[in-house]
Amino acid sequence: MLRAGADAALRSEVGKSALQYAKEKGDSACVEAFRKHLADADAGRREATAVGGAGAGGTSSGGASGLAVPDEVVLAAERGDEAEVLAWLDGGGRADATYERGEVSGITLLMGAAF
């Protein structure tokens, strides 16, 4: 999800990031993926600043207002069907789209993966 452009800074309704959920659940693979992603992003920003002098440019972190992950994609993600989730993303699905789990709304697939 991070490679597909998921916003690692998004937070749930209770203010937690996907990284925080991963740490709480003890998911070391997910935590390591975040560390690598953040290191790569930092290196990219430094390189863009050195080349262009103006930073890496604007990526929106405004969330997925009005965008929802289809139920079948949420179910695919929950059963670990990476191919179906990637097909949805490749077909135009947004990594920052959200869904509800129980009484919690505003969850991205990345946050859900960390549960």
C-alpha atoms as a PDB file:
ATOM      1  CA  MET A   1       0.000   0.000   0.000  1.00  0.00           C
ATOM      2  CA  LEU A   2       2.857   2.387   0.728  1.00  0.00           C
ATOM      3  CA  ARG A   3       4.331   1.765  -2.726  1.00  0.00           C
ATOM      4  CA  ALA A   4       0.908   2.490  -4.222  1.00  0.00           C
ATOM      5  CA  GLY A   5       0.888   5.931  -2.617  1.00  0.00           C
ATOM      6  CA  ALA A   6      -0.910   5.381   0.671  1.00  0.00           C
ATOM      7  CA  ASP A   7      -0.497   8.360   2.971  1.00  0.00           C
ATOM      8  CA  ALA A   8       1.415   7.015   5.963  1.00  0.00           C
ATOM      9  CA  ALA A   9       0.485  10.127   7.939  1.00  0.00           C
ATOM     10  CA  LEU A  10      -3.294   9.517   7.874  1.00  0.00           C
ATOM     11  CA  ARG A  11      -4.852   8.832  11.236  1.00  0.00           C
ATOM     12  CA  SER A  12      -7.946   6.986  12.418  1.00  0.00           C
ATOM     13  CA  GLU A  13     -10.816   8.680  14.215  1.00  0.00           C
ATOM     14  CA  VAL A  14      -9.016   8.027  17.498  1.00  0.00           C
ATOM     15  CA  GLY A  15      -5.869   9.713  16.204  1.00  0.00           C
ATOM     16  CA  LYS A  16      -3.699   6.656  15.587  1.00  0.00           C
ATOM     17  CA  SER A  17      -1.594   6.055  12.490  1.00  0.00           C
ATOM     18  CA  ALA A  18      -1.190   2.700  10.755  1.00  0.00           C
ATOM     19  CA  LEU A  19       2.340   2.593  12.138  1.00  0.00           C
ATOM     20  CA  GLN A  20       1.021   2.961  15.688  1.00  0.00           C
ATOM     21  CA  TYR A  21      -1.456   0.123  15.114  1.00  0.00           C
ATOM     22  CA  ALA A  22       1.333  -2.066  13.703  1.00  0.00           C
ATOM     23  CA  LYS A  23       3.542  -1.379  16.725  1.00  0.00           C
ATOM     24  CA  GLU A  24       0.689  -2.113  19.155  1.00  0.00           C
ATOM     25  CA  LYS A  25      -0.025  -5.420  17.424  1.00  0.00           C
ATOM     26  CA  GLY A  26       3.651  -6.364  17.351  1.00  0.00           C
ATOM     27  CA  ASP A  27       3.700  -6.639  13.553  1.00  0.00           C
ATOM     28  CA  SER A  28       7.436  -6.287  12.985  1.00  0.00           C
ATOM     29  CA  ALA A  29       7.178  -6.802   9.196  1.00  0.00           C
ATOM     30  CA  CYS A  30       4.726  -3.918   8.891  1.00  0.00           C
ATOM     31  CA  VAL A  31       6.844  -1.688  11.145  1.00  0.00           C
ATOM     32  CA  GLU A  32       9.919  -2.498   9.039  1.00  0.00           C
ATOM     33  CA  ALA A  33       7.990  -1.654   5.846  1.00  0.00           C
ATOM     34  CA  PHE A  34       7.142   1.739   7.356  1.00  0.00           C
ATOM     35  CA  ARG A  35      10.770   2.356   8.333  1.00  0.00           C
ATOM     36  CA  LYS A  36      11.963   1.534   4.812  1.00  0.00           C
ATOM     37  CA  HIS A  37       9.248   3.673   3.237  1.00  0.00           C
ATOM     38  CA  LEU A  38      10.038   6.647   5.465  1.00  0.00           C
ATOM     39  CA  ALA A  39      13.771   6.312   4.801  1.00  0.00           C
ATOM     40  CA  ASP A  40      13.171   6.113   1.036  1.00  0.00           C
ATOM     41  CA  ALA A  41      10.827   9.115   1.154  1.00  0.00           C
ATOM     42  CA  ASP A  42      13.363  11.117   3.155  1.00  0.00           C
ATOM     43  CA  ALA A  43      16.123  10.249   0.681  1.00  0.00           C
ATOM     44  CA  GLY A  44      13.852  11.279  -2.196  1.00  0.00           C
ATOM     45  CA  ARG A  45      13.084  14.633  -0.559  1.00  0.00           C
ATOM     46  CA  ARG A  46      16.788  15.299   0.024  1.00  0.00           C
ATOM     47  CA  GLU A  47      17.584  14.406  -3.583  1.00  0.00           C
ATOM     48  CA  ALA A  48      14.772  16.580  -4.960  1.00  0.00           C
ATOM     49  CA  THR A  49      15.874  19.489  -2.796  1.00  0.00           C
ATOM     50  CA  ALA A  50      19.465  19.113  -3.940  1.00  0.00           C
ATOM     51  CA  VAL A  51      18.464  18.924  -7.619  1.00  0.00           C
ATOM     52  CA  GLY A  52      15.613  21.435  -7.762  1.00  0.00           C
ATOM     53  CA  GLY A  53      16.110  23.461  -4.639  1.00  0.00           C
ATOM     54  CA  ALA A  54      12.404  23.577  -3.885  1.00  0.00           C
ATOM     55  CA  GLY A  55      11.581  20.265  -2.237  1.00  0.00           C
ATOM     56  CA  ALA A  56       9.751  17.269  -3.556  1.00  0.00           C
ATOM     57  CA  GLY A  57       6.551  19.055  -4.452  1.00  0.00           C
ATOM     58  CA  GLY A  58       2.999  18.715  -3.283  1.00  0.00           C
ATOM     59  CA  THR A  59       1.391  15.475  -2.332  1.00  0.00           C
ATOM     60  CA  SER A  60      -2.000  15.801  -0.772  1.00  0.00           C
ATOM     61  CA  SER A  61      -2.572  14.519   2.719  1.00  0.00           C
ATOM     62  CA  GLY A  62      -6.130  15.758   2.791  1.00  0.00           C
ATOM     63  CA  GLY A  63      -7.540  12.257   3.134  1.00  0.00           C
ATOM     64  CA  ALA A  64     -10.089  10.511   0.979  1.00  0.00           C
ATOM     65  CA  SER A  65     -13.088  12.767   1.345  1.00  0.00           C
ATOM     66  CA  GLY A  66     -15.974  10.913  -0.268  1.00  0.00           C
ATOM     67  CA  LEU A  67     -13.809   7.994  -1.460  1.00  0.00           C
ATOM     68  CA  ALA A  68     -14.626   4.544  -0.174  1.00  0.00           C
ATOM     69  CA  VAL A  69     -12.939   1.178  -0.523  1.00  0.00           C
ATOM     70  CA  PRO A  70     -15.429  -1.296  -2.043  1.00  0.00           C
ATOM     71  CA  ASP A  71     -16.512  -4.064   0.336  1.00  0.00           C
ATOM     72  CA  GLU A  72     -15.087  -6.786  -1.920  1.00  0.00           C
ATOM     73  CA  VAL A  73     -11.659  -5.109  -1.780  1.00  0.00           C
ATOM     74  CA  VAL A  74     -11.812  -4.841   2.025  1.00  0.00           C
ATOM     75  CA  LEU A  75     -12.683  -8.546   2.213  1.00  0.00           C
ATOM     76  CA  ALA A  76      -9.847  -9.390  -0.195  1.00  0.00           C
ATOM     77  CA  ALA A  77      -7.417  -7.414   1.954  1.00  0.00           C
ATOM     78  CA  GLU A  78      -8.642  -9.138   5.116  1.00  0.00           C
ATOM     79  CA  ARG A  79      -8.023 -12.576   3.606  1.00  0.00           C
ATOM     80  CA  GLY A  80      -4.608 -11.501   2.319  1.00  0.00           C
ATOM     81  CA  ASP A  81      -5.509 -11.505  -1.391  1.00  0.00           C
ATOM     82  CA  GLU A  82      -2.781  -9.113  -2.496  1.00  0.00           C
ATOM     83  CA  ALA A  83      -3.504  -9.690  -6.210  1.00  0.00           C
ATOM     84  CA  GLU A  84      -7.119  -8.502  -5.896  1.00  0.00           C
ATOM     85  CA  VAL A  85      -6.138  -5.416  -3.885  1.00  0.00           C
ATOM     86  CA  LEU A  86      -3.373  -4.543  -6.368  1.00  0.00           C
ATOM     87  CA  ALA A  87      -5.781  -5.045  -9.287  1.00  0.00           C
ATOM     88  CA  TRP A  88      -8.157  -2.547  -7.675  1.00  0.00           C
ATOM     89  CA  LEU A  89      -5.324  -0.065  -7.134  1.00  0.00           C
ATOM     90  CA  ASP A  90      -4.027  -0.564 -10.692  1.00  0.00           C
ATOM     91  CA  GLY A  91      -7.557   0.048 -11.965  1.00  0.00           C
ATOM     92  CA  GLY A  92      -7.690   3.470 -10.341  1.00  0.00           C
ATOM     93  CA  GLY A  93      -8.479   2.627  -6.726  1.00  0.00           C
ATOM     94  CA  ARG A  94      -7.064   5.186  -4.328  1.00  0.00           C
ATOM     95  CA  ALA A  95      -4.633   4.138  -1.613  1.00  0.00           C
ATOM     96  CA  ASP A  96      -6.101   6.862   0.610  1.00  0.00           C
ATOM     97  CA  ALA A  97      -9.709   5.638   0.212  1.00  0.00           C
ATOM     98  CA  THR A  98     -11.306   4.622   3.499  1.00  0.00           C
ATOM     99  CA  TYR A  99     -13.763   2.126   4.964  1.00  0.00           C
ATOM    100  CA  GLU A 100     -15.405   1.335   8.296  1.00  0.00           C
ATOM    101  CA  ARG A 101     -14.583  -1.487  10.695  1.00  0.00           C
ATOM    102  CA  GLY A 102     -17.114  -1.874  13.459  1.00  0.00           C
ATOM    103  CA  GLU A 103     -17.653   1.524  15.017  1.00  0.00           C
ATOM    104  CA  VAL A 104     -14.407   2.949  13.603  1.00  0.00           C
ATOM    105  CA  SER A 105     -14.552   4.785  10.294  1.00  0.00           C
ATOM    106  CA  GLY A 106     -11.876   6.467   8.219  1.00  0.00           C
ATOM    107  CA  ILE A 107      -9.642   3.391   8.020  1.00  0.00           C
ATOM    108  CA  THR A 108      -7.374   3.061   4.983  1.00  0.00           C
ATOM    109  CA  LEU A 109      -6.281  -0.345   3.671  1.00  0.00           C
ATOM    110  CA  LEU A 110      -2.849   0.399   5.096  1.00  0.00           C
ATOM    111  CA  MET A 111      -4.293   0.996   8.545  1.00  0.00           C
ATOM    112  CA  GLY A 112      -6.380  -2.158   8.220  1.00  0.00           C
ATOM    113  CA  ALA A 113      -3.298  -4.177   7.333  1.00  0.00           C
ATOM    114  CA  ALA A 114      -1.738  -3.063  10.592  1.00  0.00           C
ATOM    115  CA  PHE A 115      -4.670  -4.318  12.705  1.00  0.00           C
END
